[in-house]
Amino acid sequence: MAKNSHIEWTHHTFNPWWGCKKVSPACDHCYAELWAKRMGHQLWGTDAPRRFFSEHHWREPLRWNSEAGKQGIRARVFCASMADVFEPRTDLDPWREKLWAVIEKTPHLDWLLLTKRPGHIKNVYPWAHNPRENVWLGTTAENQRWATRRIERLIAVDAHVRFLSCEPLLSAVDLRPWLKQRHIDWVIAGGESGHDARVSLLTGNALSHRANITASKSYNTQKDYRFDMKVFTELRNAQSVVIAYDGLNPIPPCYCYLKPYYNDPSKSYFQQLEEGVL
């Protein structure tokens, strides 16, 4: 799906600014902070500045909207990969207002606003009680504690679509209380990657290799049935993370397994399991 983004579940990525503050375990190995440092910017922390952009940058969504309209499609925009749109800083309010105006001008784009601060949405978001059709509101749920805390705050805000990012997924998360009530429409699940990836969800020999975990996969629980929801019982060497499905049709639960990358790309994952390599 990705077009102007390396993220597989979106077409575009847009950042109204760069910079944030770490608030939970999902932030510990923040890729955005590392990338900003590589670019020579110190933008993380309460007192750190934020990096803002020119009008040329802000015209990009208007171009994407025009392209989507001509093609007769809807394009997804992830906002933001290098910031949190709902970070509680008053100096960001003018830039948020600028973002809301762009969202209103781009009806062919679906804006995926992901936050780790859903409790602050209602304080700065203009459509908290009158949801726009082209805005999806989401929150990060890396473990059960933060899932419970954040989801309850997310569902307190009206939204056309609500979604979760269980990435990096740091422990098993039971989403059934919210899926049964149809409070959540879409779940993104994925493990942490990189040299310091936390791999506590892997067992056996895979753990001793400190293997990275596969890239994220998106599971749309109500709007897109094209993916194949199989139960991969063959993955004996990886713990399963159960994402219970309780949507419109009575189908089996969807099990999302986190797997290590192949040690030998010339052999299949299952073949390496049989040989005891993983």
C-alpha atoms as a PDB file:
ATOM      1  CA  MET A   1       0.000   0.000   0.000  1.00  0.00           C
ATOM      2  CA  ALA A   2       2.802   2.425   0.880  1.00  0.00           C
ATOM      3  CA  LYS A   3       3.483   5.056  -1.769  1.00  0.00           C
ATOM      4  CA  ASN A   4       5.334   7.939  -0.165  1.00  0.00           C
ATOM      5  CA  SER A   5       5.985   6.024   3.040  1.00  0.00           C
ATOM      6  CA  HIS A   6       7.998   3.015   4.176  1.00  0.00           C
ATOM      7  CA  ILE A   7       5.080   1.992   6.417  1.00  0.00           C
ATOM      8  CA  GLU A   8       3.098  -0.777   4.762  1.00  0.00           C
ATOM      9  CA  TRP A   9      -0.357   0.169   6.082  1.00  0.00           C
ATOM     10  CA  THR A  10      -0.434   3.734   4.755  1.00  0.00           C
ATOM     11  CA  HIS A  11       0.046   5.520   1.443  1.00  0.00           C
ATOM     12  CA  HIS A  12       1.647   8.681   2.826  1.00  0.00           C
ATOM     13  CA  THR A  13       3.244   9.951   6.020  1.00  0.00           C
ATOM     14  CA  PHE A  14       2.880  13.545   7.148  1.00  0.00           C
ATOM     15  CA  ASN A  15       4.545  15.267  10.103  1.00  0.00           C
ATOM     16  CA  PRO A  16       3.281  18.696  11.183  1.00  0.00           C
ATOM     17  CA  TRP A  17       6.467  18.952  13.263  1.00  0.00           C
ATOM     18  CA  TRP A  18       9.277  16.776  14.616  1.00  0.00           C
ATOM     19  CA  GLY A  19       9.865  16.056  18.294  1.00  0.00           C
ATOM     20  CA  CYS A  20       8.157  14.494  21.293  1.00  0.00           C
ATOM     21  CA  LYS A  21       8.566  13.306  24.887  1.00  0.00           C
ATOM     22  CA  LYS A  22       8.747   9.671  25.981  1.00  0.00           C
ATOM     23  CA  VAL A  23       5.762   8.576  28.062  1.00  0.00           C
ATOM     24  CA  SER A  24       5.655   4.743  28.200  1.00  0.00           C
ATOM     25  CA  PRO A  25       7.677   1.565  27.508  1.00  0.00           C
ATOM     26  CA  ALA A  26       6.823   1.709  23.789  1.00  0.00           C
ATOM     27  CA  CYS A  27       8.944   4.878  23.623  1.00  0.00           C
ATOM     28  CA  ASP A  28      12.119   3.359  25.086  1.00  0.00           C
ATOM     29  CA  HIS A  29      13.763   2.609  21.726  1.00  0.00           C
ATOM     30  CA  CYS A  30      12.062   5.363  19.748  1.00  0.00           C
ATOM     31  CA  TYR A  31      13.087   5.181  16.087  1.00  0.00           C
ATOM     32  CA  ALA A  32      11.954   8.765  15.519  1.00  0.00           C
ATOM     33  CA  GLU A  33      14.280  10.138  18.179  1.00  0.00           C
ATOM     34  CA  LEU A  34      17.199   8.164  16.763  1.00  0.00           C
ATOM     35  CA  TRP A  35      16.462   9.400  13.252  1.00  0.00           C
ATOM     36  CA  ALA A  36      16.234  13.010  14.408  1.00  0.00           C
ATOM     37  CA  LYS A  37      19.607  12.682  16.178  1.00  0.00           C
ATOM     38  CA  ARG A  38      21.159  11.276  13.011  1.00  0.00           C
ATOM     39  CA  MET A  39      19.926  14.376  11.228  1.00  0.00           C
ATOM     40  CA  GLY A  40      21.555  16.554  13.875  1.00  0.00           C
ATOM     41  CA  HIS A  41      18.437  17.523  15.843  1.00  0.00           C
ATOM     42  CA  GLN A  42      17.890  17.271  19.623  1.00  0.00           C
ATOM     43  CA  LEU A  43      14.083  17.349  19.726  1.00  0.00           C
ATOM     44  CA  TRP A  44      13.033  14.901  22.447  1.00  0.00           C
ATOM     45  CA  GLY A  45      12.081  15.920  25.978  1.00  0.00           C
ATOM     46  CA  THR A  46       9.888  18.405  27.814  1.00  0.00           C
ATOM     47  CA  ASP A  47      12.192  21.381  27.302  1.00  0.00           C
ATOM     48  CA  ALA A  48      13.513  20.463  23.874  1.00  0.00           C
ATOM     49  CA  PRO A  49      12.402  22.525  20.871  1.00  0.00           C
ATOM     50  CA  ARG A  50      10.288  21.142  18.068  1.00  0.00           C
ATOM     51  CA  ARG A  51      11.219  21.327  14.402  1.00  0.00           C
ATOM     52  CA  PHE A  52       8.685  23.009  12.116  1.00  0.00           C
ATOM     53  CA  PHE A  53       8.428  23.124   8.344  1.00  0.00           C
ATOM     54  CA  SER A  54       7.856  25.432   5.400  1.00  0.00           C
ATOM     55  CA  GLU A  55       4.724  26.048   3.358  1.00  0.00           C
ATOM     56  CA  HIS A  56       6.079  23.720   0.672  1.00  0.00           C
ATOM     57  CA  HIS A  57       5.862  20.867   3.174  1.00  0.00           C
ATOM     58  CA  TRP A  58       2.294  21.799   4.089  1.00  0.00           C
ATOM     59  CA  ARG A  59       1.193  21.802   0.442  1.00  0.00           C
ATOM     60  CA  GLU A  60       2.093  18.121   0.013  1.00  0.00           C
ATOM     61  CA  PRO A  61      -1.247  16.778   1.400  1.00  0.00           C
ATOM     62  CA  LEU A  62      -3.117  19.040  -1.007  1.00  0.00           C
ATOM     63  CA  ARG A  63      -1.258  17.400  -3.892  1.00  0.00           C
ATOM     64  CA  TRP A  64      -1.977  13.910  -2.537  1.00  0.00           C
ATOM     65  CA  ASN A  65      -5.649  14.835  -2.208  1.00  0.00           C
ATOM     66  CA  SER A  66      -5.774  16.051  -5.812  1.00  0.00           C
ATOM     67  CA  GLU A  67      -4.166  12.816  -7.045  1.00  0.00           C
ATOM     68  CA  ALA A  68      -6.565  10.658  -5.034  1.00  0.00           C
ATOM     69  CA  GLY A  69      -9.552  12.604  -6.316  1.00  0.00           C
ATOM     70  CA  LYS A  70      -8.475  12.185  -9.940  1.00  0.00           C
ATOM     71  CA  GLN A  71      -7.941   8.437  -9.433  1.00  0.00           C
ATOM     72  CA  GLY A  72     -11.244   8.009  -7.604  1.00  0.00           C
ATOM     73  CA  ILE A  73      -9.587   6.445  -4.562  1.00  0.00           C
ATOM     74  CA  ARG A  74      -9.098   7.192  -0.895  1.00  0.00           C
ATOM     75  CA  ALA A  75      -5.500   7.516   0.275  1.00  0.00           C
ATOM     76  CA  ARG A  76      -4.358   7.022   3.858  1.00  0.00           C
ATOM     77  CA  VAL A  77      -2.069   9.515   5.578  1.00  0.00           C
ATOM     78  CA  PHE A  78      -0.307   8.477   8.785  1.00  0.00           C
ATOM     79  CA  CYS A  79       0.165  11.469  11.080  1.00  0.00           C
ATOM     80  CA  ALA A  80       2.626  11.544  12.642  1.00  0.00           C
ATOM     81  CA  SER A  81       5.680   9.284  12.481  1.00  0.00           C
ATOM     82  CA  MET A  82       8.060  11.834  14.060  1.00  0.00           C
ATOM     83  CA  ALA A  83       5.751  13.425  16.617  1.00  0.00           C
ATOM     84  CA  ASP A  84       2.533  13.058  18.600  1.00  0.00           C
ATOM     85  CA  VAL A  85      -0.209  15.322  17.287  1.00  0.00           C
ATOM     86  CA  PHE A  86      -1.831  15.425  20.740  1.00  0.00           C
ATOM     87  CA  GLU A  87       1.273  16.214  22.791  1.00  0.00           C
ATOM     88  CA  PRO A  88       0.144  18.664  25.516  1.00  0.00           C
ATOM     89  CA  ARG A  89       2.246  21.726  24.641  1.00  0.00           C
ATOM     90  CA  THR A  90       0.619  25.091  24.011  1.00  0.00           C
ATOM     91  CA  ASP A  91       3.346  26.128  21.556  1.00  0.00           C
ATOM     92  CA  LEU A  92       2.043  23.378  19.261  1.00  0.00           C
ATOM     93  CA  ASP A  93      -1.523  24.727  19.193  1.00  0.00           C
ATOM     94  CA  PRO A  94      -1.028  27.023  16.141  1.00  0.00           C
ATOM     95  CA  TRP A  95       0.448  24.095  14.209  1.00  0.00           C
ATOM     96  CA  ARG A  96      -2.438  21.869  15.229  1.00  0.00           C
ATOM     97  CA  GLU A  97      -4.859  24.492  13.938  1.00  0.00           C
ATOM     98  CA  LYS A  98      -2.936  24.491  10.675  1.00  0.00           C
ATOM     99  CA  LEU A  99      -3.266  20.694  10.531  1.00  0.00           C
ATOM    100  CA  TRP A 100      -7.037  20.783  11.153  1.00  0.00           C
ATOM    101  CA  ALA A 101      -7.389  23.247   8.262  1.00  0.00           C
ATOM    102  CA  VAL A 102      -5.431  20.949   5.932  1.00  0.00           C
ATOM    103  CA  ILE A 103      -7.587  17.975   6.961  1.00  0.00           C
ATOM    104  CA  GLU A 104     -10.710  19.946   6.069  1.00  0.00           C
ATOM    105  CA  LYS A 105      -9.259  20.746   2.635  1.00  0.00           C
ATOM    106  CA  THR A 106      -8.412  17.105   1.817  1.00  0.00           C
ATOM    107  CA  PRO A 107     -11.660  15.090   1.692  1.00  0.00           C
ATOM    108  CA  HIS A 108     -10.064  12.330  -0.440  1.00  0.00           C
ATOM    109  CA  LEU A 109      -7.493  11.548   2.270  1.00  0.00           C
ATOM    110  CA  ASP A 110      -8.115   9.464   5.383  1.00  0.00           C
ATOM    111  CA  TRP A 111      -5.977  10.911   8.161  1.00  0.00           C
ATOM    112  CA  LEU A 112      -4.691   8.323  10.642  1.00  0.00           C
ATOM    113  CA  LEU A 113      -3.947  10.291  13.815  1.00  0.00           C
ATOM    114  CA  LEU A 114      -2.025   8.024  16.186  1.00  0.00           C
ATOM    115  CA  THR A 115      -1.284   9.121  19.744  1.00  0.00           C
ATOM    116  CA  LYS A 116       0.018   7.849  23.056  1.00  0.00           C
ATOM    117  CA  ARG A 117      -1.962  10.613  24.772  1.00  0.00           C
ATOM    118  CA  PRO A 118      -5.628   9.903  23.979  1.00  0.00           C
ATOM    119  CA  GLY A 119      -6.696  11.653  27.167  1.00  0.00           C
ATOM    120  CA  HIS A 120      -5.603  14.961  25.658  1.00  0.00           C
ATOM    121  CA  ILE A 121      -7.527  14.578  22.393  1.00  0.00           C
ATOM    122  CA  LYS A 122     -10.689  16.245  23.665  1.00  0.00           C
ATOM    123  CA  ASN A 123      -8.711  19.310  24.781  1.00  0.00           C
ATOM    124  CA  VAL A 124      -7.361  20.252  21.357  1.00  0.00           C
ATOM    125  CA  TYR A 125      -9.307  18.268  18.741  1.00  0.00           C
ATOM    126  CA  PRO A 126     -12.146  20.220  17.062  1.00  0.00           C
ATOM    127  CA  TRP A 127     -14.239  17.176  16.114  1.00  0.00           C
ATOM    128  CA  ALA A 128     -14.333  15.322  19.453  1.00  0.00           C
ATOM    129  CA  HIS A 129     -18.139  15.304  19.428  1.00  0.00           C
ATOM    130  CA  ASN A 130     -18.761  15.609  15.687  1.00  0.00           C
ATOM    131  CA  PRO A 131     -16.436  13.124  13.982  1.00  0.00           C
ATOM    132  CA  ARG A 132     -15.131  13.806  10.497  1.00  0.00           C
ATOM    133  CA  GLU A 133     -15.367  10.924   8.026  1.00  0.00           C
ATOM    134  CA  ASN A 134     -11.788  11.400   6.870  1.00  0.00           C
ATOM    135  CA  VAL A 135     -10.181  11.184  10.325  1.00  0.00           C
ATOM    136  CA  TRP A 136      -9.282   7.925  12.058  1.00  0.00           C
ATOM    137  CA  LEU A 137      -8.225   8.182  15.695  1.00  0.00           C
ATOM    138  CA  GLY A 138      -5.793   5.640  17.103  1.00  0.00           C
ATOM    139  CA  THR A 139      -3.686   4.929  20.156  1.00  0.00           C
ATOM    140  CA  THR A 140      -0.687   2.752  20.977  1.00  0.00           C
ATOM    141  CA  ALA A 141      -1.264  -0.358  23.098  1.00  0.00           C
ATOM    142  CA  GLU A 142       2.073  -2.077  23.711  1.00  0.00           C
ATOM    143  CA  ASN A 143       0.988  -4.130  26.728  1.00  0.00           C
ATOM    144  CA  GLN A 144      -2.152  -4.826  28.726  1.00  0.00           C
ATOM    145  CA  ARG A 145      -1.665  -1.999  31.206  1.00  0.00           C
ATOM    146  CA  TRP A 146      -1.337   0.679  28.565  1.00  0.00           C
ATOM    147  CA  ALA A 147      -3.990  -0.901  26.346  1.00  0.00           C
ATOM    148  CA  THR A 148      -6.574  -0.722  29.131  1.00  0.00           C
ATOM    149  CA  ARG A 149      -5.641   2.829  30.092  1.00  0.00           C
ATOM    150  CA  ARG A 150      -5.441   4.288  26.610  1.00  0.00           C
ATOM    151  CA  ILE A 151      -8.334   2.484  24.933  1.00  0.00           C
ATOM    152  CA  GLU A 152     -10.790   3.704  27.557  1.00  0.00           C
ATOM    153  CA  ARG A 153      -9.664   7.260  26.880  1.00  0.00           C
ATOM    154  CA  LEU A 154      -9.773   6.777  23.119  1.00  0.00           C
ATOM    155  CA  ILE A 155     -13.347   5.490  23.055  1.00  0.00           C
ATOM    156  CA  ALA A 156     -14.457   8.507  25.091  1.00  0.00           C
ATOM    157  CA  VAL A 157     -13.940  10.545  21.901  1.00  0.00           C
ATOM    158  CA  ASP A 158     -16.278  10.199  18.931  1.00  0.00           C
ATOM    159  CA  ALA A 159     -14.517   8.979  15.796  1.00  0.00           C
ATOM    160  CA  HIS A 160     -15.466   7.668  12.364  1.00  0.00           C
ATOM    161  CA  VAL A 161     -12.845   4.929  12.777  1.00  0.00           C
ATOM    162  CA  ARG A 162     -10.872   3.971  15.883  1.00  0.00           C
ATOM    163  CA  PHE A 163      -7.707   1.911  15.598  1.00  0.00           C
ATOM    164  CA  LEU A 164      -4.927   0.486  17.738  1.00  0.00           C
ATOM    165  CA  SER A 165      -1.217   0.179  17.114  1.00  0.00           C
ATOM    166  CA  CYS A 166       0.015  -2.810  19.133  1.00  0.00           C
ATOM    167  CA  GLU A 167       3.523  -2.026  17.984  1.00  0.00           C
ATOM    168  CA  PRO A 168       5.996  -2.575  19.455  1.00  0.00           C
ATOM    169  CA  LEU A 169       4.009  -5.364  21.066  1.00  0.00           C
ATOM    170  CA  LEU A 170       5.781  -6.070  24.358  1.00  0.00           C
ATOM    171  CA  SER A 171       3.408  -8.616  25.893  1.00  0.00           C
ATOM    172  CA  ALA A 172       0.196 -10.463  25.128  1.00  0.00           C
ATOM    173  CA  VAL A 173      -2.786  -8.116  24.962  1.00  0.00           C
ATOM    174  CA  ASP A 174      -6.424  -9.183  25.292  1.00  0.00           C
ATOM    175  CA  LEU A 175      -8.597  -6.834  23.238  1.00  0.00           C
ATOM    176  CA  ARG A 176     -11.845  -8.773  23.536  1.00  0.00           C
ATOM    177  CA  PRO A 177     -13.575  -6.335  25.952  1.00  0.00           C
ATOM    178  CA  TRP A 178     -13.420  -3.577  23.324  1.00  0.00           C
ATOM    179  CA  LEU A 179     -13.804  -5.677  20.169  1.00  0.00           C
ATOM    180  CA  LYS A 180     -16.982  -7.259  21.475  1.00  0.00           C
ATOM    181  CA  GLN A 181     -18.479  -3.799  21.894  1.00  0.00           C
ATOM    182  CA  ARG A 182     -17.298  -2.782  18.407  1.00  0.00           C
ATOM    183  CA  HIS A 183     -15.309   0.089  19.880  1.00  0.00           C
ATOM    184  CA  ILE A 184     -12.220  -0.723  17.788  1.00  0.00           C
ATOM    185  CA  ASP A 185     -12.294  -1.020  13.993  1.00  0.00           C
ATOM    186  CA  TRP A 186      -8.678  -1.812  13.113  1.00  0.00           C
ATOM    187  CA  VAL A 187      -5.650  -3.318  14.836  1.00  0.00           C
ATOM    188  CA  ILE A 188      -2.022  -3.047  13.736  1.00  0.00           C
ATOM    189  CA  ALA A 189       0.241  -5.643  15.368  1.00  0.00           C
ATOM    190  CA  GLY A 190       3.998  -5.901  15.165  1.00  0.00           C
ATOM    191  CA  GLY A 191       7.147  -6.561  17.139  1.00  0.00           C
ATOM    192  CA  GLU A 192      10.080  -4.323  17.899  1.00  0.00           C
ATOM    193  CA  SER A 193      13.054  -4.369  15.516  1.00  0.00           C
ATOM    194  CA  GLY A 194      16.607  -3.125  15.702  1.00  0.00           C
ATOM    195  CA  HIS A 195      19.736  -4.066  17.646  1.00  0.00           C
ATOM    196  CA  ASP A 196      18.121  -3.581  21.070  1.00  0.00           C
ATOM    197  CA  ALA A 197      14.763  -5.125  20.170  1.00  0.00           C
ATOM    198  CA  ARG A 198      12.912  -6.591  23.119  1.00  0.00           C
ATOM    199  CA  VAL A 199      12.077 -10.165  22.184  1.00  0.00           C
ATOM    200  CA  SER A 200      10.405 -11.447  25.331  1.00  0.00           C
ATOM    201  CA  LEU A 201       7.597 -12.854  23.188  1.00  0.00           C
ATOM    202  CA  LEU A 202       9.960 -15.344  21.574  1.00  0.00           C
ATOM    203  CA  THR A 203      10.745 -18.635  23.275  1.00  0.00           C
ATOM    204  CA  GLY A 204      13.251 -21.444  23.008  1.00  0.00           C
ATOM    205  CA  ASN A 205      16.309 -21.120  20.764  1.00  0.00           C
ATOM    206  CA  ALA A 206      14.982 -17.987  19.080  1.00  0.00           C
ATOM    207  CA  LEU A 207      15.456 -16.034  22.291  1.00  0.00           C
ATOM    208  CA  SER A 208      19.133 -16.995  22.563  1.00  0.00           C
ATOM    209  CA  HIS A 209      19.711 -15.598  19.059  1.00  0.00           C
ATOM    210  CA  ARG A 210      18.141 -12.249  20.071  1.00  0.00           C
ATOM    211  CA  ALA A 211      16.342 -12.408  16.752  1.00  0.00           C
ATOM    212  CA  ASN A 212      14.412  -9.430  15.492  1.00  0.00           C
ATOM    213  CA  ILE A 213      10.693  -9.764  14.961  1.00  0.00           C
ATOM    214  CA  THR A 214       8.854  -9.556  11.666  1.00  0.00           C
ATOM    215  CA  ALA A 215       7.468  -6.287  10.406  1.00  0.00           C
ATOM    216  CA  SER A 216       3.958  -5.231  11.316  1.00  0.00           C
ATOM    217  CA  LYS A 217       0.829  -6.626   9.739  1.00  0.00           C
ATOM    218  CA  SER A 218      -2.494  -4.815   9.828  1.00  0.00           C
ATOM    219  CA  TYR A 219      -5.722  -6.554  10.732  1.00  0.00           C
ATOM    220  CA  ASN A 220      -8.876  -4.681   9.843  1.00  0.00           C
ATOM    221  CA  THR A 221     -11.662  -6.145  11.954  1.00  0.00           C
ATOM    222  CA  GLN A 222     -14.672  -4.734  10.139  1.00  0.00           C
ATOM    223  CA  LYS A 223     -13.845  -3.066   6.849  1.00  0.00           C
ATOM    224  CA  ASP A 224     -11.460  -5.264   4.907  1.00  0.00           C
ATOM    225  CA  TYR A 225     -11.780  -9.053   4.722  1.00  0.00           C
ATOM    226  CA  ARG A 226      -9.188  -9.612   1.996  1.00  0.00           C
ATOM    227  CA  PHE A 227      -6.440 -10.914   4.275  1.00  0.00           C
ATOM    228  CA  ASP A 228      -6.418 -14.603   5.152  1.00  0.00           C
ATOM    229  CA  MET A 229      -7.153 -15.093   8.860  1.00  0.00           C
ATOM    230  CA  LYS A 230      -5.539 -18.480   9.457  1.00  0.00           C
ATOM    231  CA  VAL A 231      -4.461 -20.024  12.719  1.00  0.00           C
ATOM    232  CA  PHE A 232      -0.797 -20.927  12.186  1.00  0.00           C
ATOM    233  CA  THR A 233      -0.474 -23.853  14.566  1.00  0.00           C
ATOM    234  CA  GLU A 234       2.860 -24.728  12.938  1.00  0.00           C
ATOM    235  CA  LEU A 235       4.643 -21.863  14.666  1.00  0.00           C
ATOM    236  CA  ARG A 236       5.551 -23.956  17.688  1.00  0.00           C
ATOM    237  CA  ASN A 237       8.601 -21.897  18.557  1.00  0.00           C
ATOM    238  CA  ALA A 238       6.889 -18.537  18.944  1.00  0.00           C
ATOM    239  CA  GLN A 239       4.341 -17.521  21.518  1.00  0.00           C
ATOM    240  CA  SER A 240       1.056 -16.427  20.041  1.00  0.00           C
ATOM    241  CA  VAL A 241      -0.565 -13.091  20.651  1.00  0.00           C
ATOM    242  CA  VAL A 242      -4.304 -13.577  20.430  1.00  0.00           C
ATOM    243  CA  ILE A 243      -6.311 -10.805  18.828  1.00  0.00           C
ATOM    244  CA  ALA A 244      -9.868 -11.994  19.341  1.00  0.00           C
ATOM    245  CA  TYR A 245     -12.199 -11.184  16.462  1.00  0.00           C
ATOM    246  CA  ASP A 246     -15.818 -10.500  17.314  1.00  0.00           C
ATOM    247  CA  GLY A 247     -16.927  -8.483  14.326  1.00  0.00           C
ATOM    248  CA  LEU A 248     -19.836  -8.595  11.927  1.00  0.00           C
ATOM    249  CA  ASN A 249     -19.584 -12.276  10.999  1.00  0.00           C
ATOM    250  CA  PRO A 250     -19.022 -15.339  13.215  1.00  0.00           C
ATOM    251  CA  ILE A 251     -15.535 -16.439  12.185  1.00  0.00           C
ATOM    252  CA  PRO A 252     -12.687 -17.993  14.201  1.00  0.00           C
ATOM    253  CA  PRO A 253     -10.452 -15.732  16.276  1.00  0.00           C
ATOM    254  CA  CYS A 254      -7.466 -14.195  14.537  1.00  0.00           C
ATOM    255  CA  TYR A 255      -4.144 -15.271  16.008  1.00  0.00           C
ATOM    256  CA  CYS A 256      -1.189 -12.983  15.334  1.00  0.00           C
ATOM    257  CA  TYR A 257       2.144 -14.728  15.789  1.00  0.00           C
ATOM    258  CA  LEU A 258       5.416 -12.878  16.208  1.00  0.00           C
ATOM    259  CA  LYS A 259       8.234 -14.686  14.393  1.00  0.00           C
ATOM    260  CA  PRO A 260      11.974 -14.145  14.249  1.00  0.00           C
ATOM    261  CA  TYR A 261      13.575 -13.269  10.965  1.00  0.00           C
ATOM    262  CA  TYR A 262      15.088 -16.220   9.129  1.00  0.00           C
ATOM    263  CA  ASN A 263      18.683 -17.000  10.052  1.00  0.00           C
ATOM    264  CA  ASP A 264      19.158 -18.614   6.631  1.00  0.00           C
ATOM    265  CA  PRO A 265      17.143 -16.842   3.893  1.00  0.00           C
ATOM    266  CA  SER A 266      17.662 -19.819   1.563  1.00  0.00           C
ATOM    267  CA  LYS A 267      15.477 -21.984   3.807  1.00  0.00           C
ATOM    268  CA  SER A 268      11.906 -21.518   4.890  1.00  0.00           C
ATOM    269  CA  TYR A 269      10.978 -20.556   8.431  1.00  0.00           C
ATOM    270  CA  PHE A 270       9.301 -23.934   8.983  1.00  0.00           C
ATOM    271  CA  GLN A 271      12.302 -25.872   7.638  1.00  0.00           C
ATOM    272  CA  GLN A 272      14.586 -24.087  10.071  1.00  0.00           C
ATOM    273  CA  LEU A 273      12.180 -24.884  12.894  1.00  0.00           C
ATOM    274  CA  GLU A 274      12.375 -28.592  11.984  1.00  0.00           C
ATOM    275  CA  GLU A 275      16.187 -28.411  11.991  1.00  0.00           C
ATOM    276  CA  GLY A 276      16.202 -26.742  15.394  1.00  0.00           C
ATOM    277  CA  VAL A 277      18.000 -23.644  14.133  1.00  0.00           C
ATOM    278  CA  LEU A 278      15.423 -21.180  15.482  1.00  0.00           C
END
